PDB file of N, CA and C in Angstrom:
ATOM      1  N   UNK A   1       0.831  -1.183   0.000  1.00  0.00           N
ATOM      2  CA  UNK A   1       0.000   0.000   0.000  1.00  0.00           C
ATOM      3  C   UNK A   1       0.871   1.240   0.000  1.00  0.00           C
ATOM      4  N   UNK A   2       0.383   2.256  -0.663  1.00  0.00           N
ATOM      5  CA  UNK A   2       1.103   3.517  -0.719  1.00  0.00           C
ATOM      6  C   UNK A   2       0.260   4.584  -0.023  1.00  0.00           C
ATOM      7  N   UNK A   3       0.851   5.281   0.939  1.00  0.00           N
ATOM      8  CA  UNK A   3       0.146   6.317   1.679  1.00  0.00           C
ATOM      9  C   UNK A   3       0.725   7.662   1.304  1.00  0.00           C
ATOM     10  N   UNK A   4      -0.134   8.627   1.102  1.00  0.00           N
ATOM     11  CA  UNK A   4       0.335   9.986   0.847  1.00  0.00           C
ATOM     12  C   UNK A   4       0.292  10.772   2.147  1.00  0.00           C
ATOM     13  N   UNK A   5       1.036  11.843   2.176  1.00  0.00           N
ATOM     14  CA  UNK A   5       1.041  12.692   3.370  1.00  0.00           C
ATOM     15  C   UNK A   5      -0.350  13.262   3.600  1.00  0.00           C
ATOM     16  N   UNK A   6      -1.048  13.627   2.527  1.00  0.00           N
ATOM     17  CA  UNK A   6      -2.385  14.183   2.644  1.00  0.00           C
ATOM     18  C   UNK A   6      -3.345  13.143   3.240  1.00  0.00           C
ATOM     19  N   UNK A   7      -3.239  11.898   2.762  1.00  0.00           N
ATOM     20  CA  UNK A   7      -4.094  10.836   3.284  1.00  0.00           C
ATOM     21  C   UNK A   7      -3.816  10.546   4.746  1.00  0.00           C
ATOM     22  N   UNK A   8      -2.541  10.561   5.109  1.00  0.00           N
ATOM     23  CA  UNK A   8      -2.161  10.320   6.501  1.00  0.00           C
ATOM     24  C   UNK A   8      -2.709  11.423   7.400  1.00  0.00           C
ATOM     25  N   UNK A   9      -2.623  12.674   6.953  1.00  0.00           N
ATOM     26  CA  UNK A   9      -3.158  13.786   7.738  1.00  0.00           C
ATOM     27  C   UNK A   9      -4.675  13.686   7.862  1.00  0.00           C
ATOM     28  N   UNK A  10      -5.328  13.258   6.797  1.00  0.00           N
ATOM     29  CA  UNK A  10      -6.775  13.098   6.840  1.00  0.00           C
ATOM     30  C   UNK A  10      -7.160  12.057   7.891  1.00  0.00           C
ATOM     31  N   UNK A  11      -6.489  10.904   7.873  1.00  0.00           N
ATOM     32  CA  UNK A  11      -6.789   9.857   8.855  1.00  0.00           C
ATOM     33  C   UNK A  11      -6.474  10.313  10.272  1.00  0.00           C
ATOM     34  N   UNK A  12      -5.376  11.039  10.433  1.00  0.00           N
ATOM     35  CA  UNK A  12      -5.024  11.545  11.766  1.00  0.00           C
ATOM     36  C   UNK A  12      -6.089  12.514  12.261  1.00  0.00           C
ATOM     37  N   UNK A  13      -6.546  13.381  11.364  1.00  0.00           N
ATOM     38  CA  UNK A  13      -7.596  14.333  11.729  1.00  0.00           C
ATOM     39  C   UNK A  13      -8.895  13.644  12.097  1.00  0.00           C
ATOM     40  N   UNK A  14      -9.261  12.617  11.323  1.00  0.00           N
ATOM     41  CA  UNK A  14     -10.476  11.864  11.631  1.00  0.00           C
ATOM     42  C   UNK A  14     -10.361  11.154  12.969  1.00  0.00           C
ATOM     43  N   UNK A  15      -9.191  10.599  13.250  1.00  0.00           N
ATOM     44  CA  UNK A  15      -8.979   9.923  14.526  1.00  0.00           C
ATOM     45  C   UNK A  15      -9.136  10.905  15.682  1.00  0.00           C
ATOM     46  N   UNK A  16      -8.488  12.067  15.574  1.00  0.00           N
ATOM     47  CA  UNK A  16      -8.572  13.062  16.648  1.00  0.00           C
ATOM     48  C   UNK A  16     -10.001  13.554  16.822  1.00  0.00           C
ATOM     49  N   UNK A  17     -10.694  13.761  15.710  1.00  0.00           N
ATOM     50  CA  UNK A  17     -12.074  14.226  15.794  1.00  0.00           C
ATOM     51  C   UNK A  17     -12.957  13.198  16.488  1.00  0.00           C
ATOM     52  N   UNK A  18     -12.754  11.933  16.175  1.00  0.00           N
ATOM     53  CA  UNK A  18     -13.574  10.907  16.814  1.00  0.00           C
ATOM     54  C   UNK A  18     -13.193  10.727  18.273  1.00  0.00           C
ATOM     55  N   UNK A  19     -11.932  10.883  18.601  1.00  0.00           N
ATOM     56  CA  UNK A  19     -11.486  10.713  19.981  1.00  0.00           C
ATOM     57  C   UNK A  19     -11.997  11.837  20.868  1.00  0.00           C
ATOM     58  N   UNK A  20     -12.050  13.064  20.343  1.00  0.00           N
ATOM     59  CA  UNK A  20     -12.508  14.183  21.154  1.00  0.00           C
ATOM     60  C   UNK A  20     -13.996  14.415  21.023  1.00  0.00           C
ATOM     61  N   UNK A  21     -14.618  13.857  20.019  1.00  0.00           N
ATOM     62  CA  UNK A  21     -16.043  14.054  19.799  1.00  0.00           C
ATOM     63  C   UNK A  21     -16.901  13.511  20.913  1.00  0.00           C
ATOM     64  N   UNK A  22     -16.408  12.563  21.661  1.00  0.00           N
ATOM     65  CA  UNK A  22     -17.193  11.992  22.749  1.00  0.00           C
ATOM     66  C   UNK A  22     -17.477  13.006  23.844  1.00  0.00           C
ATOM     67  N   UNK A  23     -16.624  13.997  24.004  1.00  0.00           N
ATOM     68  CA  UNK A  23     -16.809  14.979  25.067  1.00  0.00           C
ATOM     69  C   UNK A  23     -17.712  16.127  24.635  1.00  0.00           C
ATOM     70  N   UNK A  24     -17.973  16.276  23.343  1.00  0.00           N
ATOM     71  CA  UNK A  24     -18.793  17.360  22.839  1.00  0.00           C
ATOM     72  C   UNK A  24     -20.229  16.887  22.771  1.00  0.00           C
ATOM     73  N   UNK A  25     -21.153  17.751  23.137  1.00  0.00           N
ATOM     74  CA  UNK A  25     -22.548  17.397  23.059  1.00  0.00           C
ATOM     75  C   UNK A  25     -22.991  16.434  24.145  1.00  0.00           C
ATOM     76  N   UNK A  26     -22.364  16.501  25.302  1.00  0.00           N
ATOM     77  CA  UNK A  26     -22.727  15.581  26.369  1.00  0.00           C
ATOM     78  C   UNK A  26     -23.808  16.134  27.287  1.00  0.00           C
ATOM     79  N   UNK A  27     -24.410  17.245  26.887  1.00  0.00           N
ATOM     80  CA  UNK A  27     -25.544  17.743  27.642  1.00  0.00           C
ATOM     81  C   UNK A  27     -25.216  18.818  28.652  1.00  0.00           C
ATOM     82  N   UNK A  28     -23.957  19.062  28.957  1.00  0.00           N
ATOM     83  CA  UNK A  28     -23.695  20.154  29.880  1.00  0.00           C
ATOM     84  C   UNK A  28     -23.577  21.450  29.090  1.00  0.00           C
ATOM     85  N   UNK A  29     -23.601  22.564  29.782  1.00  0.00           N
ATOM     86  CA  UNK A  29     -23.641  23.870  29.135  1.00  0.00           C
ATOM     87  C   UNK A  29     -22.277  24.479  28.917  1.00  0.00           C
ATOM     88  N   UNK A  30     -21.256  23.704  28.971  1.00  0.00           N
ATOM     89  CA  UNK A  30     -19.907  24.233  28.838  1.00  0.00           C
ATOM     90  C   UNK A  30     -19.612  24.559  27.397  1.00  0.00           C
ATOM     91  N   UNK A  31     -18.665  25.464  27.179  1.00  0.00           N
ATOM     92  CA  UNK A  31     -18.318  25.862  25.826  1.00  0.00           C
ATOM     93  C   UNK A  31     -17.630  24.730  25.090  1.00  0.00           C
ATOM     94  N   UNK A  32     -17.777  24.757  23.775  1.00  0.00           N
ATOM     95  CA  UNK A  32     -17.174  23.707  22.950  1.00  0.00           C
ATOM     96  C   UNK A  32     -15.659  23.752  23.024  1.00  0.00           C
ATOM     97  N   UNK A  33     -15.092  24.919  23.323  1.00  0.00           N
ATOM     98  CA  UNK A  33     -13.635  25.022  23.390  1.00  0.00           C
ATOM     99  C   UNK A  33     -13.068  24.326  24.620  1.00  0.00           C
ATOM    100  N   UNK A  34     -13.921  24.091  25.611  1.00  0.00           N
ATOM    101  CA  UNK A  34     -13.459  23.422  26.825  1.00  0.00           C
ATOM    102  C   UNK A  34     -14.093  22.042  26.877  1.00  0.00           C
ATOM    103  N   UNK A  35     -13.416  21.067  26.289  1.00  0.00           N
ATOM    104  CA  UNK A  35     -13.996  19.738  26.171  1.00  0.00           C
ATOM    105  C   UNK A  35     -13.510  18.787  27.261  1.00  0.00           C
ATOM    106  N   UNK A  36     -12.897  19.311  28.318  1.00  0.00           N
ATOM    107  CA  UNK A  36     -12.438  18.470  29.415  1.00  0.00           C
ATOM    108  C   UNK A  36     -13.646  17.982  30.205  1.00  0.00           C
ATOM    109  N   UNK A  37     -13.794  16.676  30.331  1.00  0.00           N
ATOM    110  CA  UNK A  37     -14.940  16.097  31.029  1.00  0.00           C
ATOM    111  C   UNK A  37     -14.904  16.462  32.506  1.00  0.00           C
ATOM    112  N   UNK A  38     -16.058  16.860  33.015  1.00  0.00           N
ATOM    113  CA  UNK A  38     -16.161  17.197  34.428  1.00  0.00           C
ATOM    114  C   UNK A  38     -15.785  16.007  35.297  1.00  0.00           C
ATOM    115  N   UNK A  39     -15.172  16.278  36.418  1.00  0.00           N
ATOM    116  CA  UNK A  39     -14.774  15.290  37.421  1.00  0.00           C
ATOM    117  C   UNK A  39     -13.700  14.315  36.927  1.00  0.00           C
ATOM    118  N   UNK A  40     -13.058  14.618  35.828  1.00  0.00           N
ATOM    119  CA  UNK A  40     -11.964  13.767  35.348  1.00  0.00           C
ATOM    120  C   UNK A  40     -10.648  14.289  35.915  1.00  0.00           C
ATOM    121  N   UNK A  41      -9.620  13.476  35.815  1.00  0.00           N
ATOM    122  CA  UNK A  41      -8.301  13.923  36.282  1.00  0.00           C
ATOM    123  C   UNK A  41      -7.875  15.197  35.554  1.00  0.00           C
ATOM    124  N   UNK A  42      -8.142  15.249  34.246  1.00  0.00           N
ATOM    125  CA  UNK A  42      -7.784  16.436  33.464  1.00  0.00           C
ATOM    126  C   UNK A  42      -8.560  17.660  33.957  1.00  0.00           C
ATOM    127  N   UNK A  43      -9.829  17.460  34.311  1.00  0.00           N
ATOM    128  CA  UNK A  43     -10.624  18.579  34.819  1.00  0.00           C
ATOM    129  C   UNK A  43     -10.077  19.060  36.155  1.00  0.00           C
ATOM    130  N   UNK A  44      -9.730  18.117  37.042  1.00  0.00           N
ATOM    131  CA  UNK A  44      -9.148  18.507  38.329  1.00  0.00           C
ATOM    132  C   UNK A  44      -7.881  19.338  38.111  1.00  0.00           C
ATOM    133  N   UNK A  45      -7.051  18.935  37.171  1.00  0.00           N
ATOM    134  CA  UNK A  45      -5.818  19.677  36.889  1.00  0.00           C
ATOM    135  C   UNK A  45      -6.134  21.069  36.344  1.00  0.00           C
ATOM    136  N   UNK A  46      -7.197  21.175  35.535  1.00  0.00           N
ATOM    137  CA  UNK A  46      -7.616  22.479  35.013  1.00  0.00           C
ATOM    138  C   UNK A  46      -8.067  23.376  36.150  1.00  0.00           C
ATOM    139  N   UNK A  47      -8.837  22.816  37.084  1.00  0.00           N
ATOM    140  CA  UNK A  47      -9.279  23.591  38.248  1.00  0.00           C
ATOM    141  C   UNK A  47      -8.065  24.009  39.078  1.00  0.00           C
ATOM    142  N   UNK A  48      -7.129  23.094  39.272  1.00  0.00           N
ATOM    143  CA  UNK A  48      -5.921  23.411  40.043  1.00  0.00           C
ATOM    144  C   UNK A  48      -5.148  24.558  39.411  1.00  0.00           C
ATOM    145  N   UNK A  49      -5.118  24.615  38.091  1.00  0.00           N
ATOM    146  CA  UNK A  49      -4.426  25.710  37.402  1.00  0.00           C
ATOM    147  C   UNK A  49      -5.146  27.037  37.634  1.00  0.00           C
ATOM    148  N   UNK A  50      -6.466  26.989  37.745  1.00  0.00           N
ATOM    149  CA  UNK A  50      -7.269  28.198  37.972  1.00  0.00           C
ATOM    150  C   UNK A  50      -7.293  28.603  39.442  1.00  0.00           C
ATOM    151  N   UNK A  51      -7.302  27.597  40.324  1.00  0.00           N
ATOM    152  CA  UNK A  51      -7.409  27.826  41.763  1.00  0.00           C
ATOM    153  C   UNK A  51      -6.299  27.028  42.446  1.00  0.00           C
ATOM    154  N   UNK A  52      -5.080  27.556  42.443  1.00  0.00           N
ATOM    155  CA  UNK A  52      -3.964  26.802  43.043  1.00  0.00           C
ATOM    156  C   UNK A  52      -4.202  26.543  44.530  1.00  0.00           C
ATOM    157  N   UNK A  53      -3.984  25.309  44.934  1.00  0.00           N
ATOM    158  CA  UNK A  53      -4.217  24.937  46.331  1.00  0.00           C
ATOM    159  C   UNK A  53      -2.924  24.711  47.107  1.00  0.00           C
ATOM    160  N   UNK A  54      -1.817  24.689  46.423  1.00  0.00           N
ATOM    161  CA  UNK A  54      -0.533  24.455  47.075  1.00  0.00           C
ATOM    162  C   UNK A  54       0.111  25.748  47.530  1.00  0.00           C
ATOM    163  N   UNK A  55       1.305  25.601  48.084  1.00  0.00           N
ATOM    164  CA  UNK A  55       2.031  26.761  48.588  1.00  0.00           C
ATOM    165  C   UNK A  55       3.055  27.296  47.594  1.00  0.00           C
ATOM    166  N   UNK A  56       3.059  26.767  46.390  1.00  0.00           N
ATOM    167  CA  UNK A  56       4.010  27.210  45.390  1.00  0.00           C
ATOM    168  C   UNK A  56       5.347  26.502  45.461  1.00  0.00           C
ATOM    169  N   UNK A  57       5.515  25.632  46.456  1.00  0.00           N
ATOM    170  CA  UNK A  57       6.759  24.890  46.641  1.00  0.00           C
ATOM    171  C   UNK A  57       6.525  23.380  46.595  1.00  0.00           C
ATOM    172  N   UNK A  58       5.421  22.992  45.959  1.00  0.00           N
ATOM    173  CA  UNK A  58       5.134  21.567  45.825  1.00  0.00           C
ATOM    174  C   UNK A  58       4.383  20.949  46.983  1.00  0.00           C
ATOM    175  N   UNK A  59       3.950  21.779  47.942  1.00  0.00           N
ATOM    176  CA  UNK A  59       3.221  21.262  49.096  1.00  0.00           C
ATOM    177  C   UNK A  59       1.752  21.633  48.978  1.00  0.00           C
ATOM    178  N   UNK A  60       0.895  20.699  49.199  1.00  0.00           N
ATOM    179  CA  UNK A  60      -0.539  20.948  49.159  1.00  0.00           C
ATOM    180  C   UNK A  60      -1.280  19.629  49.086  1.00  0.00           C
ATOM    181  N   UNK A  61      -2.586  19.709  49.101  1.00  0.00           N
ATOM    182  CA  UNK A  61      -3.381  18.468  49.068  1.00  0.00           C
ATOM    183  C   UNK A  61      -3.269  17.790  47.709  1.00  0.00           C
ATOM    184  N   UNK A  62      -3.519  16.497  47.694  1.00  0.00           N
ATOM    185  CA  UNK A  62      -3.537  15.751  46.436  1.00  0.00           C
ATOM    186  C   UNK A  62      -4.704  16.236  45.592  1.00  0.00           C
ATOM    187  N   UNK A  63      -4.405  16.610  44.349  1.00  0.00           N
ATOM    188  CA  UNK A  63      -5.431  17.123  43.453  1.00  0.00           C
ATOM    189  C   UNK A  63      -6.527  16.081  43.278  1.00  0.00           C
ATOM    190  N   UNK A  64      -7.778  16.521  43.490  1.00  0.00           N
ATOM    191  CA  UNK A  64      -8.938  15.649  43.366  1.00  0.00           C
ATOM    192  C   UNK A  64      -9.389  15.014  44.670  1.00  0.00           C
ATOM    193  N   UNK A  65      -8.568  15.121  45.711  1.00  0.00           N
ATOM    194  CA  UNK A  65      -8.921  14.504  46.994  1.00  0.00           C
ATOM    195  C   UNK A  65      -9.987  15.331  47.716  1.00  0.00           C
ATOM    196  N   UNK A  66     -10.563  14.748  48.748  1.00  0.00           N
ATOM    197  CA  UNK A  66     -11.553  15.445  49.573  1.00  0.00           C
ATOM    198  C   UNK A  66     -10.953  16.723  50.164  1.00  0.00           C
ATOM    199  N   UNK A  67      -9.722  16.636  50.656  1.00  0.00           N
ATOM    200  CA  UNK A  67      -9.046  17.809  51.214  1.00  0.00           C
ATOM    201  C   UNK A  67      -8.871  18.880  50.144  1.00  0.00           C
ATOM    202  N   UNK A  68      -8.473  18.470  48.946  1.00  0.00           N
ATOM    203  CA  UNK A  68      -8.280  19.407  47.833  1.00  0.00           C
ATOM    204  C   UNK A  68      -9.591  20.115  47.502  1.00  0.00           C
ATOM    205  N   UNK A  69     -10.684  19.353  47.456  1.00  0.00           N
ATOM    206  CA  UNK A  69     -11.983  19.944  47.146  1.00  0.00           C
ATOM    207  C   UNK A  69     -12.375  20.978  48.201  1.00  0.00           C
ATOM    208  N   UNK A  70     -12.072  20.688  49.461  1.00  0.00           N
ATOM    209  CA  UNK A  70     -12.357  21.629  50.538  1.00  0.00           C
ATOM    210  C   UNK A  70     -11.555  22.920  50.361  1.00  0.00           C
ATOM    211  N   UNK A  71     -10.293  22.785  49.989  1.00  0.00           N
ATOM    212  CA  UNK A  71      -9.444  23.964  49.776  1.00  0.00           C
ATOM    213  C   UNK A  71      -9.945  24.768  48.577  1.00  0.00           C
ATOM    214  N   UNK A  72     -10.365  24.084  47.513  1.00  0.00           N
ATOM    215  CA  UNK A  72     -10.922  24.775  46.346  1.00  0.00           C
ATOM    216  C   UNK A  72     -12.127  25.603  46.771  1.00  0.00           C
ATOM    217  N   UNK A  73     -13.025  24.999  47.548  1.00  0.00           N
ATOM    218  CA  UNK A  73     -14.195  25.729  48.039  1.00  0.00           C
ATOM    219  C   UNK A  73     -13.764  26.947  48.860  1.00  0.00           C
ATOM    220  N   UNK A  74     -12.790  26.761  49.740  1.00  0.00           N
ATOM    221  CA  UNK A  74     -12.300  27.860  50.583  1.00  0.00           C
ATOM    222  C   UNK A  74     -11.752  28.990  49.726  1.00  0.00           C
ATOM    223  N   UNK A  75     -10.902  28.643  48.759  1.00  0.00           N
ATOM    224  CA  UNK A  75     -10.276  29.668  47.910  1.00  0.00           C
ATOM    225  C   UNK A  75     -11.305  30.399  47.056  1.00  0.00           C
ATOM    226  N   UNK A  76     -12.385  29.714  46.690  1.00  0.00           N
ATOM    227  CA  UNK A  76     -13.446  30.350  45.903  1.00  0.00           C
ATOM    228  C   UNK A  76     -14.431  31.116  46.787  1.00  0.00           C
ATOM    229  N   UNK A  77     -14.284  30.993  48.109  1.00  0.00           N
ATOM    230  CA  UNK A  77     -15.154  31.698  49.042  1.00  0.00           C
ATOM    231  C   UNK A  77     -16.550  31.103  49.144  1.00  0.00           C
ATOM    232  N   UNK A  78     -16.663  29.788  48.874  1.00  0.00           N
ATOM    233  CA  UNK A  78     -17.986  29.168  48.897  1.00  0.00           C
ATOM    234  C   UNK A  78     -18.099  28.031  49.915  1.00  0.00           C
ATOM    235  N   UNK A  79     -17.027  27.759  50.659  1.00  0.00           N
ATOM    236  CA  UNK A  79     -17.084  26.660  51.625  1.00  0.00           C
ATOM    237  C   UNK A  79     -18.164  26.954  52.657  1.00  0.00           C
ATOM    238  N   UNK A  80     -18.989  25.946  52.927  1.00  0.00           N
ATOM    239  CA  UNK A  80     -20.033  26.073  53.927  1.00  0.00           C
ATOM    240  C   UNK A  80     -21.324  26.687  53.428  1.00  0.00           C
ATOM    241  N   UNK A  81     -21.355  27.163  52.189  1.00  0.00           N
ATOM    242  CA  UNK A  81     -22.592  27.730  51.660  1.00  0.00           C
ATOM    243  C   UNK A  81     -23.591  26.608  51.382  1.00  0.00           C
ATOM    244  N   UNK A  82     -24.873  26.865  51.662  1.00  0.00           N
ATOM    245  CA  UNK A  82     -25.872  25.808  51.537  1.00  0.00           C
ATOM    246  C   UNK A  82     -26.114  25.312  50.107  1.00  0.00           C
ATOM    247  N   UNK A  83     -25.770  26.104  49.107  1.00  0.00           N
ATOM    248  CA  UNK A  83     -26.020  25.689  47.725  1.00  0.00           C
ATOM    249  C   UNK A  83     -24.879  24.886  47.114  1.00  0.00           C
ATOM    250  N   UNK A  84     -23.808  24.647  47.875  1.00  0.00           N
ATOM    251  CA  UNK A  84     -22.685  23.859  47.370  1.00  0.00           C
ATOM    252  C   UNK A  84     -23.026  22.374  47.498  1.00  0.00           C
ATOM    253  N   UNK A  85     -23.052  21.654  46.367  1.00  0.00           N
ATOM    254  CA  UNK A  85     -23.385  20.224  46.413  1.00  0.00           C
ATOM    255  C   UNK A  85     -22.327  19.406  47.155  1.00  0.00           C
ATOM    256  N   UNK A  86     -22.678  18.179  47.462  1.00  0.00           N
ATOM    257  CA  UNK A  86     -21.752  17.257  48.129  1.00  0.00           C
ATOM    258  C   UNK A  86     -20.503  17.078  47.266  1.00  0.00           C
ATOM    259  N   UNK A  87     -19.355  17.031  47.911  1.00  0.00           N
ATOM    260  CA  UNK A  87     -18.071  16.959  47.196  1.00  0.00           C
ATOM    261  C   UNK A  87     -17.878  15.664  46.415  1.00  0.00           C
ATOM    262  N   UNK A  88     -18.605  14.631  46.751  1.00  0.00           N
ATOM    263  CA  UNK A  88     -18.433  13.355  46.057  1.00  0.00           C
ATOM    264  C   UNK A  88     -19.441  13.176  44.912  1.00  0.00           C
ATOM    265  N   UNK A  89     -19.963  14.302  44.398  1.00  0.00           N
ATOM    266  CA  UNK A  89     -20.983  14.218  43.348  1.00  0.00           C
ATOM    267  C   UNK A  89     -20.545  14.959  42.082  1.00  0.00           C
ATOM    268  N   UNK A  90     -21.137  14.559  40.966  1.00  0.00           N
ATOM    269  CA  UNK A  90     -20.912  15.280  39.711  1.00  0.00           C
ATOM    270  C   UNK A  90     -21.452  16.702  39.806  1.00  0.00           C
ATOM    271  N   UNK A  91     -22.499  16.882  40.611  1.00  0.00           N
ATOM    272  CA  UNK A  91     -23.078  18.215  40.799  1.00  0.00           C
ATOM    273  C   UNK A  91     -22.040  19.168  41.389  1.00  0.00           C
ATOM    274  N   UNK A  92     -21.167  18.653  42.256  1.00  0.00           N
ATOM    275  CA  UNK A  92     -20.114  19.498  42.831  1.00  0.00           C
ATOM    276  C   UNK A  92     -19.200  20.007  41.720  1.00  0.00           C
ATOM    277  N   UNK A  93     -18.806  19.125  40.828  1.00  0.00           N
ATOM    278  CA  UNK A  93     -17.925  19.524  39.727  1.00  0.00           C
ATOM    279  C   UNK A  93     -18.604  20.566  38.839  1.00  0.00           C
ATOM    280  N   UNK A  94     -19.881  20.360  38.536  1.00  0.00           N
ATOM    281  CA  UNK A  94     -20.614  21.338  37.719  1.00  0.00           C
ATOM    282  C   UNK A  94     -20.662  22.685  38.428  1.00  0.00           C
ATOM    283  N   UNK A  95     -20.914  22.658  39.736  1.00  0.00           N
ATOM    284  CA  UNK A  95     -20.995  23.891  40.515  1.00  0.00           C
ATOM    285  C   UNK A  95     -19.655  24.633  40.500  1.00  0.00           C
ATOM    286  N   UNK A  96     -18.589  23.922  40.756  1.00  0.00           N
ATOM    287  CA  UNK A  96     -17.251  24.535  40.751  1.00  0.00           C
ATOM    288  C   UNK A  96     -16.946  25.093  39.374  1.00  0.00           C
ATOM    289  N   UNK A  97     -17.277  24.343  38.336  1.00  0.00           N
ATOM    290  CA  UNK A  97     -17.039  24.778  36.968  1.00  0.00           C
ATOM    291  C   UNK A  97     -17.776  26.087  36.685  1.00  0.00           C
ATOM    292  N   UNK A  98     -19.012  26.199  37.162  1.00  0.00           N
ATOM    293  CA  UNK A  98     -19.783  27.423  36.969  1.00  0.00           C
ATOM    294  C   UNK A  98     -19.188  28.581  37.730  1.00  0.00           C
ATOM    295  N   UNK A  99     -18.763  28.348  38.967  1.00  0.00           N
ATOM    296  CA  UNK A  99     -18.171  29.415  39.782  1.00  0.00           C
ATOM    297  C   UNK A  99     -16.892  29.931  39.126  1.00  0.00           C
ATOM    298  N   UNK A 100     -16.075  29.028  38.634  1.00  0.00           N
ATOM    299  CA  UNK A 100     -14.818  29.435  38.005  1.00  0.00           C
ATOM    300  C   UNK A 100     -15.078  30.200  36.715  1.00  0.00           C
ATOM    301  N   UNK A 101     -16.124  29.832  35.998  1.00  0.00           N
ATOM    302  CA  UNK A 101     -16.436  30.454  34.712  1.00  0.00           C
ATOM    303  C   UNK A 101     -17.043  31.848  34.853  1.00  0.00           C
ATOM    304  N   UNK A 102     -17.503  32.189  36.038  1.00  0.00           N
ATOM    305  CA  UNK A 102     -18.163  33.496  36.237  1.00  0.00           C
ATOM    306  C   UNK A 102     -17.195  34.644  36.196  1.00  0.00           C
TER     307      UNK A 102
END
């Protein structure tokens, strides 16, 4: 078989589109440019980049842990508020995502 560079790029593009297409149109109201699935490791890292929980010297709670979620709430000024969902729920991730996006 003979492959052209154009054909290889086409297949690579189709592969990437199909691999990322699963995150688009999943029913949440997030922008298409932000296709990181809520409550995933990648999403936790995105939140950590927006709301650093460490001391800048490599010390801090494990990203995604219960302690980390508590610190995120504290830094966002929402810890203890009655409208904050339980930390072990997808609703918590949606809530944090909305607060950060505001």
